[in-house]
Amino acid sequence: TLTDVASPEFVGTLITLGLGVCGFLAWAEHRWGRPRA
């Protein structure tokens, strides 16, 4: 969820979508290149 900020699901969204995809997948794309990421 992106709207129910008080729920555990929102925390999970921040971790997976925020940190995982927006953060570390972007790092992998820049550092390793698109195919490897």
PDB file of all heavy atoms in Angstrom:
ATOM      1  N   THR A   1       0.835  -1.189   0.000  1.00  0.00           N
ATOM      2  CA  THR A   1       0.000   0.000   0.000  1.00  0.00           C
ATOM      3  C   THR A   1       0.873   1.243   0.000  1.00  0.00           C
ATOM      4  O   THR A   1       1.978   1.240   0.556  1.00  0.00           O
ATOM      5  CB  THR A   1      -0.939   0.027   1.222  1.00  0.00           C
ATOM      6  OG1 THR A   1      -1.700   1.238   1.216  1.00  0.00           O
ATOM      7  CG2 THR A   1      -0.149  -0.059   2.519  1.00  0.00           C
ATOM      8  N   LEU A   2       0.383   2.282  -0.625  1.00  0.00           N
ATOM      9  CA  LEU A   2       1.063   3.584  -0.626  1.00  0.00           C
ATOM     10  C   LEU A   2       0.281   4.632   0.152  1.00  0.00           C
ATOM     11  O   LEU A   2       0.746   5.764   0.281  1.00  0.00           O
ATOM     12  CB  LEU A   2       1.253   4.071  -2.069  1.00  0.00           C
ATOM     13  CG  LEU A   2       2.170   3.231  -2.958  1.00  0.00           C
ATOM     14  CD1 LEU A   2       2.123   3.739  -4.388  1.00  0.00           C
ATOM     15  CD2 LEU A   2       3.594   3.252  -2.424  1.00  0.00           C
ATOM     16  N   THR A   3      -0.873   4.245   0.669  1.00  0.00           N
ATOM     17  CA  THR A   3      -1.745   5.216   1.331  1.00  0.00           C
ATOM     18  C   THR A   3      -1.938   4.954   2.820  1.00  0.00           C
ATOM     19  O   THR A   3      -2.015   5.891   3.609  1.00  0.00           O
ATOM     20  CB  THR A   3      -3.117   5.243   0.639  1.00  0.00           C
ATOM     21  OG1 THR A   3      -3.660   3.910   0.616  1.00  0.00           O
ATOM     22  CG2 THR A   3      -2.986   5.753  -0.797  1.00  0.00           C
ATOM     23  N   ASP A   4      -2.017   3.695   3.206  1.00  0.00           N
ATOM     24  CA  ASP A   4      -2.239   3.359   4.622  1.00  0.00           C
ATOM     25  C   ASP A   4      -0.901   3.364   5.354  1.00  0.00           C
ATOM     26  O   ASP A   4      -0.302   2.331   5.623  1.00  0.00           O
ATOM     27  CB  ASP A   4      -2.912   1.993   4.724  1.00  0.00           C
ATOM     28  CG  ASP A   4      -3.403   1.691   6.134  1.00  0.00           C
ATOM     29  OD1 ASP A   4      -3.261   2.563   7.014  1.00  0.00           O
ATOM     30  OD2 ASP A   4      -3.918   0.568   6.348  1.00  0.00           O
ATOM     31  N   VAL A   5      -0.442   4.577   5.684  1.00  0.00           N
ATOM     32  CA  VAL A   5       0.926   4.741   6.191  1.00  0.00           C
ATOM     33  C   VAL A   5       1.117   4.168   7.589  1.00  0.00           C
ATOM     34  O   VAL A   5       2.263   4.000   8.036  1.00  0.00           O
ATOM     35  CB  VAL A   5       1.327   6.224   6.175  1.00  0.00           C
ATOM     36  CG1 VAL A   5       1.358   6.753   4.751  1.00  0.00           C
ATOM     37  CG2 VAL A   5       0.383   7.061   7.037  1.00  0.00           C
ATOM     38  N   ALA A   6       0.030   3.876   8.298  1.00  0.00           N
ATOM     39  CA  ALA A   6       0.150   3.340   9.652  1.00  0.00           C
ATOM     40  C   ALA A   6       0.160   1.819   9.684  1.00  0.00           C
ATOM     41  O   ALA A   6       0.241   1.225  10.760  1.00  0.00           O
ATOM     42  CB  ALA A   6      -0.984   3.867  10.534  1.00  0.00           C
ATOM     43  N   SER A   7       0.083   1.189   8.523  1.00  0.00           N
ATOM     44  CA  SER A   7      -0.034  -0.264   8.474  1.00  0.00           C
ATOM     45  C   SER A   7       1.324  -0.927   8.277  1.00  0.00           C
ATOM     46  O   SER A   7       2.260  -0.332   7.727  1.00  0.00           O
ATOM     47  CB  SER A   7      -0.960  -0.668   7.322  1.00  0.00           C
ATOM     48  OG  SER A   7      -0.377  -0.326   6.079  1.00  0.00           O
ATOM     49  N   PRO A   8       1.451  -2.179   8.700  1.00  0.00           N
ATOM     50  CA  PRO A   8       2.685  -2.931   8.425  1.00  0.00           C
ATOM     51  C   PRO A   8       2.934  -3.100   6.933  1.00  0.00           C
ATOM     52  O   PRO A   8       4.092  -3.196   6.503  1.00  0.00           O
ATOM     53  CB  PRO A   8       2.437  -4.283   9.107  1.00  0.00           C
ATOM     54  CG  PRO A   8       1.373  -4.021  10.128  1.00  0.00           C
ATOM     55  CD  PRO A   8       0.515  -2.946   9.547  1.00  0.00           C
ATOM     56  N   GLU A   9       1.856  -3.144   6.145  1.00  0.00           N
ATOM     57  CA  GLU A   9       2.020  -3.286   4.695  1.00  0.00           C
ATOM     58  C   GLU A   9       2.754  -2.091   4.099  1.00  0.00           C
ATOM     59  O   GLU A   9       3.521  -2.244   3.140  1.00  0.00           O
ATOM     60  CB  GLU A   9       0.662  -3.447   4.018  1.00  0.00           C
ATOM     61  CG  GLU A   9      -0.020  -4.786   4.278  1.00  0.00           C
ATOM     62  CD  GLU A   9      -0.657  -4.849   5.658  1.00  0.00           C
ATOM     63  OE1 GLU A   9      -0.787  -3.776   6.309  1.00  0.00           O
ATOM     64  OE2 GLU A   9      -1.028  -5.960   6.091  1.00  0.00           O
ATOM     65  N   PHE A  10       2.527  -0.913   4.657  1.00  0.00           N
ATOM     66  CA  PHE A  10       3.226   0.274   4.150  1.00  0.00           C
ATOM     67  C   PHE A  10       4.716   0.190   4.447  1.00  0.00           C
ATOM     68  O   PHE A  10       5.548   0.573   3.618  1.00  0.00           O
ATOM     69  CB  PHE A  10       2.637   1.544   4.770  1.00  0.00           C
ATOM     70  CG  PHE A  10       3.260   2.810   4.271  1.00  0.00           C
ATOM     71  CD1 PHE A  10       2.968   3.295   3.009  1.00  0.00           C
ATOM     72  CD2 PHE A  10       4.159   3.524   5.059  1.00  0.00           C
ATOM     73  CE1 PHE A  10       3.550   4.475   2.536  1.00  0.00           C
ATOM     74  CE2 PHE A  10       4.739   4.692   4.601  1.00  0.00           C
ATOM     75  CZ  PHE A  10       4.430   5.170   3.336  1.00  0.00           C
ATOM     76  N   VAL A  11       5.057  -0.322   5.616  1.00  0.00           N
ATOM     77  CA  VAL A  11       6.470  -0.518   5.957  1.00  0.00           C
ATOM     78  C   VAL A  11       7.106  -1.501   4.983  1.00  0.00           C
ATOM     79  O   VAL A  11       8.227  -1.280   4.495  1.00  0.00           O
ATOM     80  CB  VAL A  11       6.615  -1.019   7.403  1.00  0.00           C
ATOM     81  CG1 VAL A  11       8.087  -1.316   7.725  1.00  0.00           C
ATOM     82  CG2 VAL A  11       6.057   0.000   8.386  1.00  0.00           C
ATOM     83  N   GLY A  12       6.386  -2.571   4.674  1.00  0.00           N
ATOM     84  CA  GLY A  12       6.901  -3.527   3.700  1.00  0.00           C
ATOM     85  C   GLY A  12       7.084  -2.910   2.329  1.00  0.00           C
ATOM     86  O   GLY A  12       8.057  -3.209   1.624  1.00  0.00           O
ATOM     87  N   THR A  13       6.159  -2.012   1.942  1.00  0.00           N
ATOM     88  CA  THR A  13       6.292  -1.324   0.658  1.00  0.00           C
ATOM     89  C   THR A  13       7.518  -0.432   0.645  1.00  0.00           C
ATOM     90  O   THR A  13       8.250  -0.370  -0.355  1.00  0.00           O
ATOM     91  CB  THR A  13       5.029  -0.489   0.368  1.00  0.00           C
ATOM     92  OG1 THR A  13       3.883  -1.349   0.354  1.00  0.00           O
ATOM     93  CG2 THR A  13       5.143   0.203  -0.980  1.00  0.00           C
ATOM     94  N   LEU A  14       7.756   0.280   1.741  1.00  0.00           N
ATOM     95  CA  LEU A  14       8.941   1.138   1.817  1.00  0.00           C
ATOM     96  C   LEU A  14      10.221   0.320   1.672  1.00  0.00           C
ATOM     97  O   LEU A  14      11.181   0.749   1.007  1.00  0.00           O
ATOM     98  CB  LEU A  14       8.958   1.900   3.144  1.00  0.00           C
ATOM     99  CG  LEU A  14       7.948   3.031   3.320  1.00  0.00           C
ATOM    100  CD1 LEU A  14       8.117   3.670   4.699  1.00  0.00           C
ATOM    101  CD2 LEU A  14       8.112   4.087   2.230  1.00  0.00           C
ATOM    102  N   ILE A  15      10.219  -0.866   2.279  1.00  0.00           N
ATOM    103  CA  ILE A  15      11.435  -1.686   2.232  1.00  0.00           C
ATOM    104  C   ILE A  15      11.631  -2.290   0.846  1.00  0.00           C
ATOM    105  O   ILE A  15      12.717  -2.177   0.259  1.00  0.00           O
ATOM    106  CB  ILE A  15      11.369  -2.790   3.302  1.00  0.00           C
ATOM    107  CG1 ILE A  15      11.395  -2.172   4.698  1.00  0.00           C
ATOM    108  CG2 ILE A  15      12.539  -3.765   3.140  1.00  0.00           C
ATOM    109  CD1 ILE A  15      11.177  -3.172   5.825  1.00  0.00           C
ATOM    110  N   THR A  16      10.590  -2.913   0.312  1.00  0.00           N
ATOM    111  CA  THR A  16      10.761  -3.628  -0.959  1.00  0.00           C
ATOM    112  C   THR A  16      10.797  -2.685  -2.156  1.00  0.00           C
ATOM    113  O   THR A  16      11.710  -2.748  -2.984  1.00  0.00           O
ATOM    114  CB  THR A  16       9.643  -4.660  -1.140  1.00  0.00           C
ATOM    115  OG1 THR A  16       8.358  -4.009  -1.071  1.00  0.00           O
ATOM    116  CG2 THR A  16       9.710  -5.721  -0.076  1.00  0.00           C
ATOM    117  N   LEU A  17       9.789  -1.814  -2.257  1.00  0.00           N
ATOM    118  CA  LEU A  17       9.738  -0.907  -3.396  1.00  0.00           C
ATOM    119  C   LEU A  17      10.711   0.255  -3.237  1.00  0.00           C
ATOM    120  O   LEU A  17      11.407   0.625  -4.187  1.00  0.00           O
ATOM    121  CB  LEU A  17       8.314  -0.372  -3.585  1.00  0.00           C
ATOM    122  CG  LEU A  17       8.088   0.560  -4.778  1.00  0.00           C
ATOM    123  CD1 LEU A  17       8.383  -0.160  -6.090  1.00  0.00           C
ATOM    124  CD2 LEU A  17       6.667   1.104  -4.774  1.00  0.00           C
ATOM    125  N   GLY A  18      10.770   0.808  -2.013  1.00  0.00           N
ATOM    126  CA  GLY A  18      11.636   1.960  -1.788  1.00  0.00           C
ATOM    127  C   GLY A  18      13.108   1.597  -1.762  1.00  0.00           C
ATOM    128  O   GLY A  18      13.893   2.021  -2.616  1.00  0.00           O
ATOM    129  N   LEU A  19      13.488   0.792  -0.764  1.00  0.00           N
ATOM    130  CA  LEU A  19      14.900   0.413  -0.633  1.00  0.00           C
ATOM    131  C   LEU A  19      15.327  -0.575  -1.715  1.00  0.00           C
ATOM    132  O   LEU A  19      16.361  -0.389  -2.361  1.00  0.00           O
ATOM    133  CB  LEU A  19      15.140  -0.195   0.752  1.00  0.00           C
ATOM    134  CG  LEU A  19      15.176   0.759   1.940  1.00  0.00           C
ATOM    135  CD1 LEU A  19      15.328  -0.036   3.239  1.00  0.00           C
ATOM    136  CD2 LEU A  19      16.301   1.765   1.808  1.00  0.00           C
ATOM    137  N   GLY A  20      14.528  -1.628  -1.885  1.00  0.00           N
ATOM    138  CA  GLY A  20      14.945  -2.696  -2.793  1.00  0.00           C
ATOM    139  C   GLY A  20      14.995  -2.283  -4.247  1.00  0.00           C
ATOM    140  O   GLY A  20      16.028  -2.428  -4.906  1.00  0.00           O
ATOM    141  N   VAL A  21      13.880  -1.758  -4.761  1.00  0.00           N
ATOM    142  CA  VAL A  21      13.806  -1.437  -6.185  1.00  0.00           C
ATOM    143  C   VAL A  21      14.386  -0.052  -6.467  1.00  0.00           C
ATOM    144  O   VAL A  21      15.328   0.092  -7.259  1.00  0.00           O
ATOM    145  CB  VAL A  21      12.349  -1.537  -6.692  1.00  0.00           C
ATOM    146  CG1 VAL A  21      12.278  -1.141  -8.160  1.00  0.00           C
ATOM    147  CG2 VAL A  21      11.820  -2.953  -6.496  1.00  0.00           C
ATOM    148  N   CYS A  22      13.818   0.973  -5.824  1.00  0.00           N
ATOM    149  CA  CYS A  22      14.278   2.345  -6.109  1.00  0.00           C
ATOM    150  C   CYS A  22      15.731   2.563  -5.701  1.00  0.00           C
ATOM    151  O   CYS A  22      16.450   3.334  -6.350  1.00  0.00           O
ATOM    152  CB  CYS A  22      13.391   3.354  -5.383  1.00  0.00           C
ATOM    153  SG  CYS A  22      11.680   3.363  -5.932  1.00  0.00           S
ATOM    154  N   GLY A  23      16.155   1.900  -4.628  1.00  0.00           N
ATOM    155  CA  GLY A  23      17.507   2.104  -4.137  1.00  0.00           C
ATOM    156  C   GLY A  23      18.532   1.130  -4.689  1.00  0.00           C
ATOM    157  O   GLY A  23      19.372   1.484  -5.509  1.00  0.00           O
ATOM    158  N   PHE A  24      18.432  -0.119  -4.279  1.00  0.00           N
ATOM    159  CA  PHE A  24      19.497  -1.065  -4.585  1.00  0.00           C
ATOM    160  C   PHE A  24      19.441  -1.604  -6.008  1.00  0.00           C
ATOM    161  O   PHE A  24      20.487  -1.939  -6.570  1.00  0.00           O
ATOM    162  CB  PHE A  24      19.487  -2.208  -3.566  1.00  0.00           C
ATOM    163  CG  PHE A  24      20.088  -1.820  -2.249  1.00  0.00           C
ATOM    164  CD1 PHE A  24      19.290  -1.365  -1.224  1.00  0.00           C
ATOM    165  CD2 PHE A  24      21.459  -1.875  -2.048  1.00  0.00           C
ATOM    166  CE1 PHE A  24      19.835  -0.985  -0.012  1.00  0.00           C
ATOM    167  CE2 PHE A  24      22.028  -1.504  -0.845  1.00  0.00           C
ATOM    168  CZ  PHE A  24      21.208  -1.050   0.185  1.00  0.00           C
ATOM    169  N   LEU A  25      18.255  -1.707  -6.595  1.00  0.00           N
ATOM    170  CA  LEU A  25      18.221  -2.096  -8.004  1.00  0.00           C
ATOM    171  C   LEU A  25      18.826  -0.993  -8.863  1.00  0.00           C
ATOM    172  O   LEU A  25      19.546  -1.272  -9.836  1.00  0.00           O
ATOM    173  CB  LEU A  25      16.793  -2.388  -8.453  1.00  0.00           C
ATOM    174  CG  LEU A  25      16.624  -2.828  -9.908  1.00  0.00           C
ATOM    175  CD1 LEU A  25      17.448  -4.084 -10.205  1.00  0.00           C
ATOM    176  CD2 LEU A  25      15.156  -3.061 -10.254  1.00  0.00           C
ATOM    177  N   ALA A  26      18.571   0.264  -8.501  1.00  0.00           N
ATOM    178  CA  ALA A  26      19.191   1.379  -9.223  1.00  0.00           C
ATOM    179  C   ALA A  26      20.706   1.349  -9.064  1.00  0.00           C
ATOM    180  O   ALA A  26      21.460   1.597 -10.017  1.00  0.00           O
ATOM    181  CB  ALA A  26      18.635   2.706  -8.711  1.00  0.00           C
ATOM    182  N   TRP A  27      21.169   1.054  -7.853  1.00  0.00           N
ATOM    183  CA  TRP A  27      22.625   0.936  -7.636  1.00  0.00           C
ATOM    184  C   TRP A  27      23.198  -0.181  -8.501  1.00  0.00           C
ATOM    185  O   TRP A  27      24.263  -0.014  -9.122  1.00  0.00           O
ATOM    186  CB  TRP A  27      22.912   0.645  -6.165  1.00  0.00           C
ATOM    187  CG  TRP A  27      24.324   0.232  -5.917  1.00  0.00           C
ATOM    188  CD1 TRP A  27      25.410   1.040  -5.770  1.00  0.00           C
ATOM    189  CD2 TRP A  27      24.821  -1.118  -5.817  1.00  0.00           C
ATOM    190  NE1 TRP A  27      26.546   0.288  -5.583  1.00  0.00           N
ATOM    191  CE2 TRP A  27      26.217  -1.031  -5.604  1.00  0.00           C
ATOM    192  CE3 TRP A  27      24.210  -2.365  -5.880  1.00  0.00           C
ATOM    193  CZ2 TRP A  27      27.000  -2.171  -5.455  1.00  0.00           C
ATOM    194  CZ3 TRP A  27      25.000  -3.497  -5.728  1.00  0.00           C
ATOM    195  CH2 TRP A  27      26.378  -3.384  -5.513  1.00  0.00           C
ATOM    196  N   ALA A  28      22.511  -1.331  -8.540  1.00  0.00           N
ATOM    197  CA  ALA A  28      23.010  -2.459  -9.335  1.00  0.00           C
ATOM    198  C   ALA A  28      23.048  -2.102 -10.819  1.00  0.00           C
ATOM    199  O   ALA A  28      23.994  -2.458 -11.525  1.00  0.00           O
ATOM    200  CB  ALA A  28      22.125  -3.683  -9.101  1.00  0.00           C
ATOM    201  N   GLU A  29      22.035  -1.400 -11.300  1.00  0.00           N
ATOM    202  CA  GLU A  29      22.018  -1.014 -12.709  1.00  0.00           C
ATOM    203  C   GLU A  29      23.194  -0.087 -13.035  1.00  0.00           C
ATOM    204  O   GLU A  29      23.848  -0.239 -14.077  1.00  0.00           O
ATOM    205  CB  GLU A  29      20.705  -0.315 -13.045  1.00  0.00           C
ATOM    206  CG  GLU A  29      20.619   0.134 -14.498  1.00  0.00           C
ATOM    207  CD  GLU A  29      19.352   0.908 -14.815  1.00  0.00           C
ATOM    208  OE1 GLU A  29      18.463   0.980 -13.931  1.00  0.00           O
ATOM    209  OE2 GLU A  29      19.236   1.436 -15.935  1.00  0.00           O
ATOM    210  N   HIS A  30      23.443   0.873 -12.150  1.00  0.00           N
ATOM    211  CA  HIS A  30      24.539   1.817 -12.400  1.00  0.00           C
ATOM    212  C   HIS A  30      25.897   1.150 -12.245  1.00  0.00           C
ATOM    213  O   HIS A  30      26.817   1.407 -13.032  1.00  0.00           O
ATOM    214  CB  HIS A  30      24.414   2.989 -11.428  1.00  0.00           C
ATOM    215  CG  HIS A  30      25.554   3.960 -11.512  1.00  0.00           C
ATOM    216  ND1 HIS A  30      25.735   4.807 -12.586  1.00  0.00           N
ATOM    217  CD2 HIS A  30      26.587   4.210 -10.660  1.00  0.00           C
ATOM    218  CE1 HIS A  30      26.825   5.547 -12.388  1.00  0.00           C
ATOM    219  NE2 HIS A  30      27.360   5.190 -11.241  1.00  0.00           N
ATOM    220  N   ARG A  31      26.058   0.295 -11.249  1.00  0.00           N
ATOM    221  CA  ARG A  31      27.359  -0.295 -10.943  1.00  0.00           C
ATOM    222  C   ARG A  31      27.673  -1.470 -11.848  1.00  0.00           C
ATOM    223  O   ARG A  31      28.803  -1.612 -12.327  1.00  0.00           O
ATOM    224  CB  ARG A  31      27.376  -0.731  -9.473  1.00  0.00           C
ATOM    225  CG  ARG A  31      28.652  -1.435  -9.034  1.00  0.00           C
ATOM    226  CD  ARG A  31      29.855  -0.544  -9.225  1.00  0.00           C
ATOM    227  NE  ARG A  31      29.704   0.705  -8.494  1.00  0.00           N
ATOM    228  CZ  ARG A  31      30.536   1.732  -8.621  1.00  0.00           C
ATOM    229  NH1 ARG A  31      31.554   1.650  -9.470  1.00  0.00           N
ATOM    230  NH2 ARG A  31      30.352   2.838  -7.933  1.00  0.00           N
ATOM    231  N   TRP A  32      26.697  -2.346 -12.084  1.00  0.00           N
ATOM    232  CA  TRP A  32      26.942  -3.583 -12.819  1.00  0.00           C
ATOM    233  C   TRP A  32      26.497  -3.525 -14.263  1.00  0.00           C
ATOM    234  O   TRP A  32      26.888  -4.388 -15.056  1.00  0.00           O
ATOM    235  CB  TRP A  32      26.227  -4.763 -12.136  1.00  0.00           C
ATOM    236  CG  TRP A  32      26.721  -5.074 -10.773  1.00  0.00           C
ATOM    237  CD1 TRP A  32      27.947  -4.764 -10.258  1.00  0.00           C
ATOM    238  CD2 TRP A  32      26.015  -5.757  -9.743  1.00  0.00           C
ATOM    239  NE1 TRP A  32      28.052  -5.207  -8.965  1.00  0.00           N
ATOM    240  CE2 TRP A  32      26.871  -5.829  -8.625  1.00  0.00           C
ATOM    241  CE3 TRP A  32      24.747  -6.317  -9.653  1.00  0.00           C
ATOM    242  CZ2 TRP A  32      26.488  -6.436  -7.432  1.00  0.00           C
ATOM    243  CZ3 TRP A  32      24.365  -6.923  -8.471  1.00  0.00           C
ATOM    244  CH2 TRP A  32      25.230  -6.985  -7.385  1.00  0.00           C
ATOM    245  N   GLY A  33      25.651  -2.572 -14.606  1.00  0.00           N
ATOM    246  CA  GLY A  33      25.075  -2.538 -15.939  1.00  0.00           C
ATOM    247  C   GLY A  33      23.690  -3.167 -15.953  1.00  0.00           C
ATOM    248  O   GLY A  33      23.337  -3.955 -15.072  1.00  0.00           O
ATOM    249  N   ARG A  34      22.908  -2.810 -16.955  1.00  0.00           N
ATOM    250  CA  ARG A  34      21.517  -3.255 -16.999  1.00  0.00           C
ATOM    251  C   ARG A  34      21.357  -4.768 -17.100  1.00  0.00           C
ATOM    252  O   ARG A  34      20.543  -5.351 -16.364  1.00  0.00           O
ATOM    253  CB  ARG A  34      20.791  -2.579 -18.164  1.00  0.00           C
ATOM    254  CG  ARG A  34      20.684  -1.080 -18.012  1.00  0.00           C
ATOM    255  CD  ARG A  34      20.146  -0.427 -19.270  1.00  0.00           C
ATOM    256  NE  ARG A  34      20.409   1.018 -19.253  1.00  0.00           N
ATOM    257  CZ  ARG A  34      20.220   1.805 -20.290  1.00  0.00           C
ATOM    258  NH1 ARG A  34      19.770   1.307 -21.431  1.00  0.00           N
ATOM    259  NH2 ARG A  34      20.485   3.101 -20.196  1.00  0.00           N
ATOM    260  N   PRO A  35      22.088  -5.464 -17.981  1.00  0.00           N
ATOM    261  CA  PRO A  35      21.863  -6.911 -18.095  1.00  0.00           C
ATOM    262  C   PRO A  35      22.114  -7.655 -16.788  1.00  0.00           C
ATOM    263  O   PRO A  35      21.316  -8.516 -16.393  1.00  0.00           O
ATOM    264  CB  PRO A  35      22.860  -7.335 -19.184  1.00  0.00           C
ATOM    265  CG  PRO A  35      23.093  -6.095 -19.993  1.00  0.00           C
ATOM    266  CD  PRO A  35      23.045  -4.975 -19.007  1.00  0.00           C
ATOM    267  N   ARG A  36      23.208  -7.309 -16.095  1.00  0.00           N
ATOM    268  CA  ARG A  36      23.514  -8.027 -14.857  1.00  0.00           C
ATOM    269  C   ARG A  36      22.529  -7.669 -13.751  1.00  0.00           C
ATOM    270  O   ARG A  36      22.123  -8.534 -12.969  1.00  0.00           O
ATOM    271  CB  ARG A  36      24.945  -7.706 -14.421  1.00  0.00           C
ATOM    272  CG  ARG A  36      25.418  -8.543 -13.244  1.00  0.00           C
ATOM    273  CD  ARG A  36      26.856  -8.255 -12.901  1.00  0.00           C
ATOM    274  NE  ARG A  36      27.277  -8.983 -11.712  1.00  0.00           N
ATOM    275  CZ  ARG A  36      28.423  -8.788 -11.086  1.00  0.00           C
ATOM    276  NH1 ARG A  36      29.283  -7.892 -11.575  1.00  0.00           N
ATOM    277  NH2 ARG A  36      28.730  -9.473 -10.019  1.00  0.00           N
ATOM    278  N   ALA A  37      22.124  -6.403 -13.691  1.00  0.00           N
ATOM    279  CA  ALA A  37      21.149  -5.998 -12.678  1.00  0.00           C
ATOM    280  C   ALA A  37      19.827  -6.731 -12.882  1.00  0.00           C
ATOM    281  O   ALA A  37      19.214  -7.224 -11.924  1.00  0.00           O
ATOM    282  CB  ALA A  37      20.940  -4.486 -12.729  1.00  0.00           C
TER     283      ALA A  37
END
